[in-house]
N, C-alpha and C. Protein backbone atom coordinates (compact mmCIF):
# COMPACT_ATOMS: atom_id res chain seq x y z
N MET A 1 -10.37 30.41 23.62
CA MET A 1 -9.66 30.17 22.49
C MET A 1 -9.42 28.47 22.53
N GLN A 2 -10.07 27.57 21.71
CA GLN A 2 -9.86 26.14 21.48
C GLN A 2 -8.84 26.07 21.02
N ASN A 3 -8.63 24.44 21.78
CA ASN A 3 -7.14 23.92 21.55
C ASN A 3 -7.19 23.44 20.33
N SER A 4 -5.88 23.39 19.39
CA SER A 4 -5.71 22.78 18.22
C SER A 4 -5.96 21.25 18.08
N THR A 5 -5.81 20.38 19.22
CA THR A 5 -6.21 19.38 19.41
C THR A 5 -7.50 18.82 19.31
N GLU A 6 -8.36 19.84 19.78
CA GLU A 6 -9.81 19.42 19.61
C GLU A 6 -10.18 19.11 17.72
N PHE A 7 -9.66 19.80 17.16
CA PHE A 7 -9.88 19.65 15.70
C PHE A 7 -9.30 18.39 14.94
N PHE A 8 -8.23 18.01 15.82
CA PHE A 8 -7.61 16.71 15.50
C PHE A 8 -7.49 15.44 16.49
N LYS A 9 -8.47 14.86 16.15
CA LYS A 9 -8.81 13.58 17.06
C LYS A 9 -8.63 12.16 16.47
N ILE A 10 -7.74 11.56 17.01
CA ILE A 10 -7.43 10.15 16.28
C ILE A 10 -8.57 9.45 16.68
N HIS A 11 -8.70 8.57 15.47
CA HIS A 11 -9.63 7.53 15.54
C HIS A 11 -9.79 6.40 17.02
N PRO A 12 -10.85 5.69 17.36
CA PRO A 12 -10.64 5.16 18.36
C PRO A 12 -9.87 3.80 17.93
N SER A 13 -9.92 3.43 16.88
CA SER A 13 -9.19 2.07 16.43
C SER A 13 -7.66 2.31 16.72
N CYS A 14 -7.14 3.37 16.89
CA CYS A 14 -5.91 3.60 16.84
C CYS A 14 -5.16 2.95 18.17
N LYS A 15 -6.29 2.79 19.14
CA LYS A 15 -5.27 2.38 20.35
C LYS A 15 -5.15 1.01 20.29
N PHE A 16 -5.54 0.22 19.13
CA PHE A 16 -4.73 -1.11 18.75
C PHE A 16 -3.42 -0.89 18.09
N PHE A 17 -3.42 0.32 17.76
CA PHE A 17 -2.13 0.52 16.93
C PHE A 17 -1.11 1.13 17.80
N PHE A 18 -1.18 1.42 19.10
CA PHE A 18 -0.49 1.91 20.22
C PHE A 18 -0.43 3.62 20.08
N SER A 19 -1.67 4.35 19.80
CA SER A 19 -1.70 5.58 20.04
C SER A 19 -2.82 5.68 20.67
N GLN A 20 -2.70 6.95 21.10
CA GLN A 20 -3.84 7.44 22.13
C GLN A 20 -4.09 9.25 22.32
N GLN A 21 -5.19 9.73 22.47
CA GLN A 21 -5.46 11.08 22.79
C GLN A 21 -5.10 11.36 23.85
N LYS A 22 -4.25 12.36 24.18
CA LYS A 22 -3.92 12.92 25.36
C LYS A 22 -4.70 14.52 25.39
N LYS A 23 -4.78 15.01 26.50
CA LYS A 23 -5.29 16.42 26.66
C LYS A 23 -4.63 17.42 26.00
N ASN A 24 -3.19 17.16 25.56
CA ASN A 24 -2.39 18.20 25.08
C ASN A 24 -1.80 17.62 24.05
N GLY A 25 -2.60 16.60 23.45
CA GLY A 25 -2.20 16.05 22.29
C GLY A 25 -2.17 14.80 21.92
N ILE A 26 -1.17 14.20 20.91
CA ILE A 26 -1.10 12.62 20.74
C ILE A 26 0.01 12.24 21.25
N SER A 27 -0.08 10.60 21.79
CA SER A 27 1.05 10.01 22.61
C SER A 27 1.04 8.37 21.78
N VAL A 28 2.10 8.20 21.94
CA VAL A 28 2.30 6.66 21.36
C VAL A 28 2.97 5.89 22.84
N TYR A 29 2.10 5.03 23.07
CA TYR A 29 2.54 4.53 24.44
C TYR A 29 3.14 3.01 24.23
N SER A 30 3.66 2.68 23.27
CA SER A 30 4.77 1.65 22.83
C SER A 30 5.29 1.79 21.55
N LEU A 31 6.43 2.39 21.74
CA LEU A 31 7.21 2.61 20.36
C LEU A 31 7.95 0.93 19.89
N THR A 32 7.91 0.36 20.71
CA THR A 32 8.51 -1.02 20.22
C THR A 32 7.58 -1.68 19.38
N ARG A 33 6.62 -1.68 19.84
CA ARG A 33 5.19 -2.32 18.97
C ARG A 33 5.05 -1.47 18.00
N LEU A 34 4.99 -0.20 18.05
CA LEU A 34 4.86 0.51 16.60
C LEU A 34 6.04 0.06 15.84
N PHE A 35 7.08 0.24 16.19
CA PHE A 35 8.11 -0.22 15.31
C PHE A 35 7.99 -1.55 14.63
N ASN A 36 7.81 -2.40 15.53
CA ASN A 36 7.37 -3.93 14.80
C ASN A 36 6.35 -3.90 13.90
N ARG A 37 5.17 -3.08 14.09
CA ARG A 37 4.08 -2.69 12.93
C ARG A 37 5.04 -2.30 11.71
N TRP A 38 5.85 -1.43 11.70
CA TRP A 38 6.58 -0.96 10.47
C TRP A 38 7.26 -2.00 10.01
N TYR A 39 8.08 -2.96 10.88
CA TYR A 39 8.67 -4.18 10.52
C TYR A 39 8.24 -5.05 9.87
N ASP A 40 7.09 -5.69 10.37
CA ASP A 40 6.09 -6.40 9.78
C ASP A 40 5.54 -6.16 8.24
N PHE A 41 5.35 -4.78 8.34
CA PHE A 41 4.75 -4.03 6.92
C PHE A 41 6.12 -4.29 5.87
N PHE A 42 7.18 -4.03 6.25
CA PHE A 42 8.30 -4.34 5.65
C PHE A 42 8.61 -5.53 4.82
N ASN A 43 8.36 -6.59 5.92
CA ASN A 43 8.57 -8.00 5.56
C ASN A 43 7.66 -8.59 4.89
N LEU A 44 6.27 -8.00 4.91
CA LEU A 44 5.08 -8.63 4.01
C LEU A 44 5.16 -8.11 2.80
N VAL A 45 5.82 -6.75 2.47
CA VAL A 45 5.79 -6.28 1.14
C VAL A 45 7.05 -6.70 0.55
N PHE A 46 8.07 -6.92 1.28
CA PHE A 46 9.44 -7.53 0.92
C PHE A 46 9.14 -8.83 0.11
N ASN A 47 8.40 -9.72 0.81
CA ASN A 47 8.10 -11.18 0.16
C ASN A 47 7.05 -11.01 -0.74
N ILE A 48 6.09 -10.21 -0.77
CA ILE A 48 5.22 -10.06 -1.92
C ILE A 48 5.96 -9.55 -3.59
N LEU A 49 6.65 -8.54 -3.32
CA LEU A 49 7.71 -8.12 -4.40
C LEU A 49 8.81 -9.12 -4.63
N TYR A 50 9.38 -9.84 -3.76
CA TYR A 50 10.39 -10.77 -3.79
C TYR A 50 10.03 -12.06 -4.96
N PHE A 51 8.69 -12.22 -4.69
CA PHE A 51 8.25 -13.34 -5.38
C PHE A 51 7.08 -13.29 -6.50
N ASN A 52 7.29 -11.98 -6.83
CA ASN A 52 6.52 -11.18 -7.91
C ASN A 52 5.36 -11.72 -8.19
N ILE A 53 4.54 -11.38 -7.05
CA ILE A 53 3.15 -11.53 -6.82
C ILE A 53 2.41 -10.47 -7.57
N ASN A 54 1.23 -10.45 -8.49
CA ASN A 54 0.53 -9.69 -8.94
C ASN A 54 0.06 -8.70 -8.31
N CYS A 55 0.18 -7.32 -7.97
CA CYS A 55 -0.75 -6.63 -7.32
C CYS A 55 -1.33 -5.59 -8.40
N LEU A 56 -2.14 -4.77 -7.52
CA LEU A 56 -2.51 -3.57 -8.46
C LEU A 56 -2.32 -2.33 -7.23
N TYR A 57 -2.14 -1.48 -7.80
CA TYR A 57 -1.46 0.09 -6.95
C TYR A 57 -2.64 1.11 -7.61
N PHE A 58 -3.23 1.66 -6.24
CA PHE A 58 -4.29 2.97 -6.59
C PHE A 58 -3.61 4.00 -5.79
N GLY A 59 -3.35 5.18 -6.32
CA GLY A 59 -3.14 6.57 -5.79
C GLY A 59 -4.27 7.70 -6.57
N ASN A 60 -3.68 8.85 -6.16
CA ASN A 60 -4.28 10.02 -6.96
C ASN A 60 -3.48 10.78 -8.11
N LYS A 61 -4.22 11.41 -8.64
CA LYS A 61 -3.79 11.95 -10.11
C LYS A 61 -2.30 12.82 -9.80
N LEU A 62 -2.16 13.22 -8.73
CA LEU A 62 -0.81 13.92 -8.40
C LEU A 62 0.21 13.25 -8.74
N PHE A 63 0.13 11.63 -8.42
CA PHE A 63 1.11 10.83 -8.82
C PHE A 63 0.99 9.81 -9.90
N LYS A 64 0.25 10.52 -10.92
CA LYS A 64 0.08 9.71 -12.11
C LYS A 64 1.03 8.75 -12.57
N ASN A 65 2.18 9.54 -12.93
CA ASN A 65 3.22 8.63 -13.51
C ASN A 65 3.58 7.46 -12.59
N GLU A 66 3.88 7.70 -11.53
CA GLU A 66 4.54 6.85 -10.44
C GLU A 66 3.52 5.78 -10.23
N ILE A 67 2.16 5.89 -10.23
CA ILE A 67 1.19 4.99 -10.02
C ILE A 67 0.96 3.95 -11.34
N LEU A 68 0.97 4.67 -12.39
CA LEU A 68 0.95 3.94 -13.93
C LEU A 68 2.34 2.88 -13.77
N SER A 69 3.58 3.63 -13.54
CA SER A 69 4.75 2.95 -13.72
C SER A 69 4.62 1.60 -12.75
N PHE A 70 4.19 1.80 -11.49
CA PHE A 70 4.06 0.60 -10.69
C PHE A 70 3.20 -0.25 -11.24
N ASN A 71 1.91 -0.30 -11.68
CA ASN A 71 1.32 -1.26 -12.32
C ASN A 71 1.68 -1.87 -13.72
N TRP A 72 2.46 -0.89 -14.53
CA TRP A 72 3.19 -1.71 -15.62
C TRP A 72 4.38 -2.38 -15.48
N SER A 73 5.01 -1.89 -14.60
CA SER A 73 6.37 -2.89 -14.30
C SER A 73 6.34 -3.96 -13.38
N LEU A 74 5.24 -3.94 -12.70
CA LEU A 74 5.26 -5.03 -11.43
C LEU A 74 3.90 -5.89 -11.81
N THR A 75 3.32 -5.55 -12.95
CA THR A 75 2.00 -6.57 -12.70
C THR A 75 1.93 -6.95 -14.07
N SER A 76 2.26 -8.34 -14.42
CA SER A 76 2.73 -8.80 -15.58
C SER A 76 1.06 -9.25 -16.16
N ASN A 77 0.30 -9.29 -15.55
CA ASN A 77 -1.00 -9.33 -16.42
C ASN A 77 -1.70 -8.05 -16.76
N LEU A 78 -1.24 -7.05 -16.55
CA LEU A 78 -1.68 -5.73 -16.87
C LEU A 78 -2.17 -5.54 -18.30
N LYS A 79 -1.57 -6.26 -19.38
CA LYS A 79 -1.90 -5.96 -20.55
C LYS A 79 -3.21 -6.65 -20.82
N HIS A 80 -3.75 -7.63 -20.09
CA HIS A 80 -5.10 -8.46 -20.11
C HIS A 80 -6.26 -7.40 -20.00
N TYR A 81 -5.89 -6.81 -19.16
CA TYR A 81 -6.80 -5.62 -18.33
C TYR A 81 -7.77 -5.02 -19.19
N TRP A 82 -7.17 -4.63 -20.47
CA TRP A 82 -7.49 -3.67 -21.47
C TRP A 82 -8.98 -3.70 -21.80
N LYS A 83 -9.34 -4.96 -21.78
CA LYS A 83 -10.69 -4.78 -22.20
C LYS A 83 -11.75 -4.76 -21.37
N HIS A 84 -11.10 -4.70 -19.88
CA HIS A 84 -12.25 -4.15 -18.93
C HIS A 84 -12.19 -2.99 -18.49
N ILE A 85 -10.89 -2.51 -18.38
CA ILE A 85 -10.46 -0.93 -17.80
C ILE A 85 -9.81 0.11 -18.56
N ARG A 86 -9.37 1.01 -18.07
CA ARG A 86 -8.79 1.90 -18.63
C ARG A 86 -7.36 2.25 -17.81
N PRO A 87 -6.38 2.87 -18.32
CA PRO A 87 -5.02 3.05 -17.28
C PRO A 87 -5.56 4.08 -15.91
N TYR A 88 -6.54 4.61 -16.22
CA TYR A 88 -6.95 5.74 -15.12
C TYR A 88 -8.02 4.98 -14.10
N LEU A 89 -7.87 3.80 -14.32
CA LEU A 89 -8.51 2.85 -13.30
C LEU A 89 -8.15 3.26 -11.73
N TYR A 90 -6.60 3.28 -11.62
CA TYR A 90 -5.94 3.26 -10.48
C TYR A 90 -5.96 4.70 -10.30
N LEU A 91 -6.46 5.67 -10.78
CA LEU A 91 -6.36 7.33 -10.54
C LEU A 91 -7.46 7.97 -9.81
N LYS A 92 -8.46 7.47 -10.33
CA LYS A 92 -9.66 8.17 -9.75
C LYS A 92 -10.72 7.35 -8.79
N PRO A 93 -11.45 8.38 -7.98
CA PRO A 93 -12.18 7.52 -6.95
C PRO A 93 -13.82 6.76 -7.79
N HIS A 94 -14.04 5.74 -7.38
CA HIS A 94 -15.21 5.20 -7.95
C HIS A 94 -16.18 5.25 -7.27
N LYS A 95 -17.45 5.18 -8.28
CA LYS A 95 -18.69 5.44 -7.67
C LYS A 95 -19.32 3.99 -7.08
N ILE A 96 -20.14 3.93 -6.17
CA ILE A 96 -20.80 2.75 -5.99
C ILE A 96 -22.11 2.45 -7.07
N ASN A 97 -21.97 1.55 -7.78
CA ASN A 97 -22.78 1.34 -8.94
C ASN A 97 -22.56 -0.23 -9.32
N ASP A 98 -23.63 -0.61 -10.29
CA ASP A 98 -23.33 -2.13 -10.84
C ASP A 98 -21.92 -2.34 -11.78
N LYS A 99 -22.20 -1.02 -12.64
CA LYS A 99 -20.97 -0.97 -13.51
C LYS A 99 -19.48 -1.24 -12.83
N THR A 100 -19.27 -0.50 -11.69
CA THR A 100 -18.17 -0.67 -10.94
C THR A 100 -17.97 -2.12 -10.17
N ASN A 101 -19.12 -2.57 -10.07
CA ASN A 101 -19.09 -4.05 -9.25
C ASN A 101 -18.60 -4.98 -10.45
N VAL A 102 -19.09 -4.71 -11.43
CA VAL A 102 -18.90 -5.69 -12.81
C VAL A 102 -17.26 -5.54 -12.92
N LEU A 103 -16.93 -4.16 -13.00
CA LEU A 103 -15.56 -4.04 -13.45
C LEU A 103 -14.67 -4.96 -12.28
N PHE A 104 -14.40 -4.53 -11.19
CA PHE A 104 -13.78 -5.32 -10.22
C PHE A 104 -13.95 -6.86 -10.15
N SER A 105 -15.08 -7.28 -10.72
CA SER A 105 -15.50 -8.66 -10.53
C SER A 105 -14.51 -9.38 -11.65
N ASN A 106 -14.55 -8.67 -12.80
CA ASN A 106 -13.54 -9.18 -14.00
C ASN A 106 -12.07 -9.10 -13.79
N ILE A 107 -11.48 -7.97 -13.10
CA ILE A 107 -10.24 -8.04 -12.65
C ILE A 107 -9.90 -9.41 -11.97
N THR A 108 -10.87 -9.83 -11.00
CA THR A 108 -10.56 -11.01 -10.28
C THR A 108 -9.97 -12.44 -11.21
N GLU A 109 -10.18 -12.25 -12.45
CA GLU A 109 -9.91 -13.26 -13.33
C GLU A 109 -8.93 -13.49 -13.61
N TYR A 110 -7.99 -12.84 -13.32
CA TYR A 110 -6.43 -12.72 -13.83
C TYR A 110 -5.30 -13.09 -12.68
N ASN A 111 -5.85 -13.58 -11.65
CA ASN A 111 -4.80 -14.29 -10.66
C ASN A 111 -4.32 -12.87 -9.93
N THR A 112 -5.02 -11.93 -9.73
CA THR A 112 -4.44 -10.90 -8.90
C THR A 112 -5.54 -10.68 -7.56
N SER A 113 -4.78 -10.55 -6.44
CA SER A 113 -5.49 -10.35 -5.38
C SER A 113 -5.05 -9.80 -4.29
N ILE A 114 -3.98 -8.98 -4.59
CA ILE A 114 -3.31 -8.07 -3.42
C ILE A 114 -3.35 -6.63 -4.14
N SER A 115 -3.53 -5.64 -3.38
CA SER A 115 -3.83 -4.44 -3.82
C SER A 115 -3.18 -3.35 -2.87
N PHE A 116 -2.27 -2.25 -3.36
CA PHE A 116 -1.81 -1.36 -2.42
C PHE A 116 -2.61 -0.13 -2.75
N ILE A 117 -3.02 0.52 -1.69
CA ILE A 117 -3.83 1.86 -2.01
C ILE A 117 -2.88 3.07 -1.11
N PHE A 118 -2.33 3.82 -1.76
CA PHE A 118 -1.36 4.70 -1.48
C PHE A 118 -2.15 5.88 -0.85
N ASP A 119 -3.57 6.17 -1.32
CA ASP A 119 -4.42 7.37 -0.60
C ASP A 119 -5.90 6.69 -0.15
N THR A 120 -5.88 5.93 0.98
CA THR A 120 -7.13 5.40 1.34
C THR A 120 -8.22 6.35 1.68
N CYS A 121 -8.06 7.57 1.91
CA CYS A 121 -9.07 8.69 1.91
C CYS A 121 -9.49 8.59 0.43
N TYR A 122 -8.79 8.98 -0.36
CA TYR A 122 -9.38 9.31 -1.86
C TYR A 122 -9.84 7.78 -2.74
N HIS A 123 -9.57 6.66 -2.13
CA HIS A 123 -10.20 5.77 -2.70
C HIS A 123 -10.88 4.84 -1.61
N THR A 124 -12.13 5.47 -0.97
CA THR A 124 -12.75 4.82 -0.47
C THR A 124 -13.54 3.84 -0.97
N ASN A 125 -14.16 4.26 -1.85
CA ASN A 125 -15.33 3.30 -2.75
C ASN A 125 -14.21 2.20 -3.00
N THR A 126 -13.02 2.56 -3.96
CA THR A 126 -12.11 1.19 -4.43
C THR A 126 -11.91 0.52 -3.48
N VAL A 127 -11.33 0.86 -2.16
CA VAL A 127 -11.40 -0.10 -0.93
C VAL A 127 -12.61 -1.12 -0.62
N TYR A 128 -13.76 -0.53 -0.72
CA TYR A 128 -14.77 -1.09 -0.63
C TYR A 128 -14.87 -2.29 -1.44
N TYR A 129 -14.74 -2.22 -2.88
CA TYR A 129 -14.78 -3.06 -3.96
C TYR A 129 -13.82 -3.94 -3.97
N LEU A 130 -12.50 -3.60 -3.37
CA LEU A 130 -11.42 -4.58 -3.50
C LEU A 130 -11.74 -5.57 -2.17
N LYS A 131 -12.05 -4.82 -1.25
CA LYS A 131 -12.58 -6.19 -0.10
C LYS A 131 -13.65 -7.00 -0.40
N ARG A 132 -14.64 -6.65 -1.22
CA ARG A 132 -15.59 -7.00 -1.35
C ARG A 132 -15.37 -8.17 -2.39
N TRP A 133 -14.25 -8.18 -3.32
CA TRP A 133 -13.86 -9.26 -4.15
C TRP A 133 -12.57 -9.90 -3.76
N ASN A 134 -12.56 -9.68 -2.44
CA ASN A 134 -11.65 -10.64 -1.63
C ASN A 134 -10.19 -10.68 -2.06
N PHE A 135 -9.91 -9.12 -2.35
CA PHE A 135 -8.32 -8.71 -2.27
C PHE A 135 -7.92 -8.40 -0.93
N TYR A 136 -6.57 -8.75 -0.82
CA TYR A 136 -5.95 -8.42 0.33
C TYR A 136 -5.58 -6.90 0.21
N THR A 137 -5.96 -6.12 0.91
CA THR A 137 -5.69 -4.39 0.78
C THR A 137 -4.29 -4.10 1.88
N ILE A 138 -3.61 -3.43 1.48
CA ILE A 138 -2.61 -2.78 2.19
C ILE A 138 -2.56 -1.36 1.70
N GLY A 139 -2.19 -0.53 2.72
CA GLY A 139 -2.52 1.18 2.40
C GLY A 139 -2.01 1.64 3.71
N SER A 140 -1.50 3.16 3.31
CA SER A 140 -1.07 3.90 4.56
C SER A 140 -2.47 4.58 5.19
N VAL A 141 -2.67 4.64 6.54
CA VAL A 141 -4.21 5.25 7.14
C VAL A 141 -3.80 6.01 8.00
N PRO A 142 -4.49 7.46 7.69
CA PRO A 142 -4.13 8.38 8.89
C PRO A 142 -4.72 8.24 10.16
N ILE A 143 -4.11 8.55 11.01
CA ILE A 143 -4.80 8.03 12.53
C ILE A 143 -6.00 8.73 12.72
N THR A 144 -6.46 9.86 11.95
CA THR A 144 -7.87 10.42 12.10
C THR A 144 -8.76 9.34 11.57
N SER A 145 -8.54 8.17 10.77
CA SER A 145 -9.38 7.19 10.25
C SER A 145 -9.42 5.75 10.46
N ASN A 146 -10.23 5.25 10.65
CA ASN A 146 -10.48 3.88 10.88
C ASN A 146 -9.37 2.99 10.34
N MET A 147 -8.58 2.19 11.51
CA MET A 147 -7.26 1.45 10.70
C MET A 147 -7.81 0.47 10.16
N TYR A 148 -9.12 -0.41 10.45
CA TYR A 148 -9.53 -1.36 9.83
C TYR A 148 -10.20 -1.17 8.41
N ASN A 149 -9.94 -0.38 7.90
CA ASN A 149 -10.44 0.14 6.43
C ASN A 149 -9.68 -0.87 5.28
N VAL A 150 -8.42 -1.06 5.58
CA VAL A 150 -7.80 -2.04 5.19
C VAL A 150 -7.44 -3.28 5.84
N HIS A 151 -6.87 -4.36 5.20
CA HIS A 151 -6.61 -5.77 5.75
C HIS A 151 -5.18 -5.21 6.63
N PHE A 152 -4.04 -4.55 6.06
CA PHE A 152 -2.71 -4.46 6.66
C PHE A 152 -2.71 -2.74 6.67
N ALA A 153 -2.83 -2.12 7.79
CA ALA A 153 -3.14 -0.57 7.57
C ALA A 153 -1.40 -0.36 8.13
N LEU A 154 -0.67 0.73 7.67
CA LEU A 154 0.50 1.25 8.15
C LEU A 154 -0.08 2.46 8.62
N PRO A 155 0.10 2.97 9.92
CA PRO A 155 -0.48 4.10 10.49
C PRO A 155 0.58 5.35 10.35
N ILE A 156 -0.08 6.52 9.66
CA ILE A 156 0.66 7.92 9.30
C ILE A 156 0.03 8.90 10.10
N SER A 157 0.59 9.88 10.25
CA SER A 157 0.27 11.12 10.93
C SER A 157 -1.02 11.70 10.25
N ASP A 158 -0.68 12.05 9.03
CA ASP A 158 -2.13 12.94 8.19
C ASP A 158 -2.16 12.38 7.03
N ASP A 159 -3.20 12.98 6.59
CA ASP A 159 -3.43 12.54 4.83
C ASP A 159 -3.18 13.73 3.97
N SER A 160 -1.71 13.70 4.20
CA SER A 160 -1.38 14.82 3.43
C SER A 160 -0.42 14.04 1.99
N VAL A 161 -0.12 15.00 1.03
CA VAL A 161 0.67 14.69 -0.19
C VAL A 161 2.00 14.30 0.39
N PHE A 162 2.61 14.71 1.39
CA PHE A 162 4.07 14.29 1.74
C PHE A 162 4.16 13.08 2.18
N MET A 163 2.97 12.52 3.00
CA MET A 163 2.93 11.19 3.54
C MET A 163 2.63 10.48 2.44
N HIS A 164 1.78 10.50 1.29
CA HIS A 164 1.53 9.68 0.60
C HIS A 164 2.79 9.62 -0.83
N LEU A 165 3.52 10.31 -0.56
CA LEU A 165 5.44 10.59 -1.42
C LEU A 165 5.90 9.78 -0.44
N PHE A 166 6.04 9.76 0.75
CA PHE A 166 6.99 8.79 1.23
C PHE A 166 6.37 7.57 1.54
N PHE A 167 5.15 7.10 1.43
CA PHE A 167 4.65 5.61 1.57
C PHE A 167 4.84 4.80 0.24
N MET A 168 4.89 5.86 -0.99
CA MET A 168 4.97 5.29 -2.27
C MET A 168 6.91 5.26 -2.08
N ARG A 169 7.41 6.13 -1.89
CA ARG A 169 9.07 5.71 -1.90
C ARG A 169 9.61 4.80 -0.88
N LEU A 170 8.57 4.31 0.23
CA LEU A 170 9.11 3.36 0.86
C LEU A 170 8.74 2.04 0.16
N VAL A 171 7.71 1.95 -0.77
CA VAL A 171 7.37 0.75 -1.32
C VAL A 171 8.51 0.50 -2.73
N PHE A 172 8.91 1.86 -3.22
CA PHE A 172 10.14 1.74 -3.99
C PHE A 172 11.22 1.06 -3.50
N PHE A 173 11.65 1.56 -2.21
CA PHE A 173 12.67 1.25 -1.67
C PHE A 173 12.79 -0.24 -1.29
N ILE A 174 11.57 -0.79 -1.10
CA ILE A 174 11.56 -2.21 -0.71
C ILE A 174 11.55 -3.23 -1.89
N LYS A 175 11.05 -2.59 -2.91
CA LYS A 175 11.41 -3.31 -4.34
C LYS A 175 12.59 -3.47 -4.66
N LYS A 176 13.47 -2.13 -4.48
CA LYS A 176 14.82 -2.23 -4.60
C LYS A 176 15.56 -3.26 -3.93
N SER A 177 15.36 -3.28 -2.62
CA SER A 177 16.02 -4.13 -1.68
C SER A 177 15.72 -5.75 -1.97
N SER A 178 14.48 -5.86 -2.40
CA SER A 178 14.17 -7.31 -2.82
C SER A 178 14.66 -7.69 -4.16
N LEU A 179 14.81 -6.82 -5.03
CA LEU A 179 15.72 -7.43 -6.10
C LEU A 179 17.26 -7.38 -5.74
N GLU A 180 17.70 -6.44 -5.14
CA GLU A 180 19.31 -6.97 -4.57
C GLU A 180 19.32 -7.96 -3.52
N TYR A 181 18.47 -8.40 -2.81
CA TYR A 181 18.61 -9.54 -2.26
C TYR A 181 18.34 -10.89 -3.22
N LYS A 182 17.55 -11.05 -4.00
CA LYS A 182 17.30 -12.05 -5.39
C LYS A 182 18.79 -12.07 -5.88
N TYR A 183 19.30 -11.02 -6.47
CA TYR A 183 20.55 -11.02 -7.10
C TYR A 183 21.48 -11.71 -6.14
N ARG A 184 21.97 -11.28 -4.85
CA ARG A 184 22.63 -11.84 -4.47
C ARG A 184 22.71 -13.15 -4.00
N ASN A 185 21.48 -13.81 -4.03
CA ASN A 185 21.32 -14.98 -3.89
C ASN A 185 21.60 -15.98 -5.04
N LEU A 186 21.15 -15.60 -6.35
CA LEU A 186 21.56 -15.89 -7.66
C LEU A 186 22.96 -16.06 -7.73
N ARG A 187 23.59 -14.86 -7.05
CA ARG A 187 24.78 -14.78 -7.52
C ARG A 187 25.84 -15.67 -6.76
N LEU A 188 25.27 -16.14 -5.44
CA LEU A 188 25.61 -17.06 -4.41
C LEU A 188 25.30 -18.61 -5.00
N ASN A 189 24.19 -18.73 -5.59
CA ASN A 189 24.00 -20.09 -6.02
C ASN A 189 24.98 -20.39 -7.32
N TRP A 190 25.25 -19.34 -8.24
CA TRP A 190 26.13 -19.78 -9.43
C TRP A 190 27.39 -19.68 -9.18
N PHE A 191 28.15 -18.89 -8.35
CA PHE A 191 29.36 -18.82 -8.17
C PHE A 191 29.96 -19.37 -6.69
N GLY A 192 28.98 -19.64 -6.08
CA GLY A 192 29.39 -20.41 -4.71
C GLY A 192 30.01 -19.61 -3.79
N THR A 193 30.24 -18.23 -4.14
CA THR A 193 30.74 -17.40 -2.95
C THR A 193 30.47 -15.79 -3.53
N ASN A 194 30.39 -15.21 -2.33
CA ASN A 194 30.10 -13.63 -2.62
C ASN A 194 31.07 -12.71 -3.46
N ASN A 195 32.43 -13.59 -3.60
CA ASN A 195 33.65 -12.86 -4.11
C ASN A 195 33.90 -13.54 -5.43
N TYR A 196 33.62 -12.82 -6.40
CA TYR A 196 33.62 -13.53 -7.82
C TYR A 196 34.66 -12.29 -8.89
N THR A 197 35.14 -12.79 -9.87
CA THR A 197 35.82 -11.87 -11.07
C THR A 197 34.93 -11.86 -12.03
N CYS A 198 34.60 -10.93 -12.60
CA CYS A 198 33.69 -11.02 -13.97
C CYS A 198 34.97 -10.35 -14.95
N TYR A 199 34.86 -11.57 -16.10
CA TYR A 199 35.78 -11.44 -17.22
C TYR A 199 34.91 -10.78 -18.57
């Protein structure tokens, strides 16, 4: 009888992300470095959202409302894209052809150079075009896939709906944290102290 781990083999690139294949499963040989990877991800996304840098967000149709709300609320230039794209650009996999190439080349005109991919396996061709047009790509990548498919990969255990939801909620949480931090800084600069009375 075959071992279940024979059907679940991690990608060789994961050895640079502190995971390795064992006979009886998968092991992490440096929890500290893996934690630092997640910490770097938090700081990177925190600064992107704190300074309101325009980003594009891609996911699958299961999270249609969440993906569209990300793009509507966090991308100030989105209203200018409609002459090139439709809202469901972010929800469907793209084909490799000239039309798609022109589409992504037009998007680069609007001062947007960072993209979040919540489902990198679903958006393989999208990632290809984003990298071709010099977008900095951030995404969750299953340990069975190449970690270098995106510029900054956050390793996850598998390509499941629950992991996509977790990654999405994590970005939501970081956005909330950046807004709270910005509010505290503005309040401190305005009142000169963290304790104030509102009349």
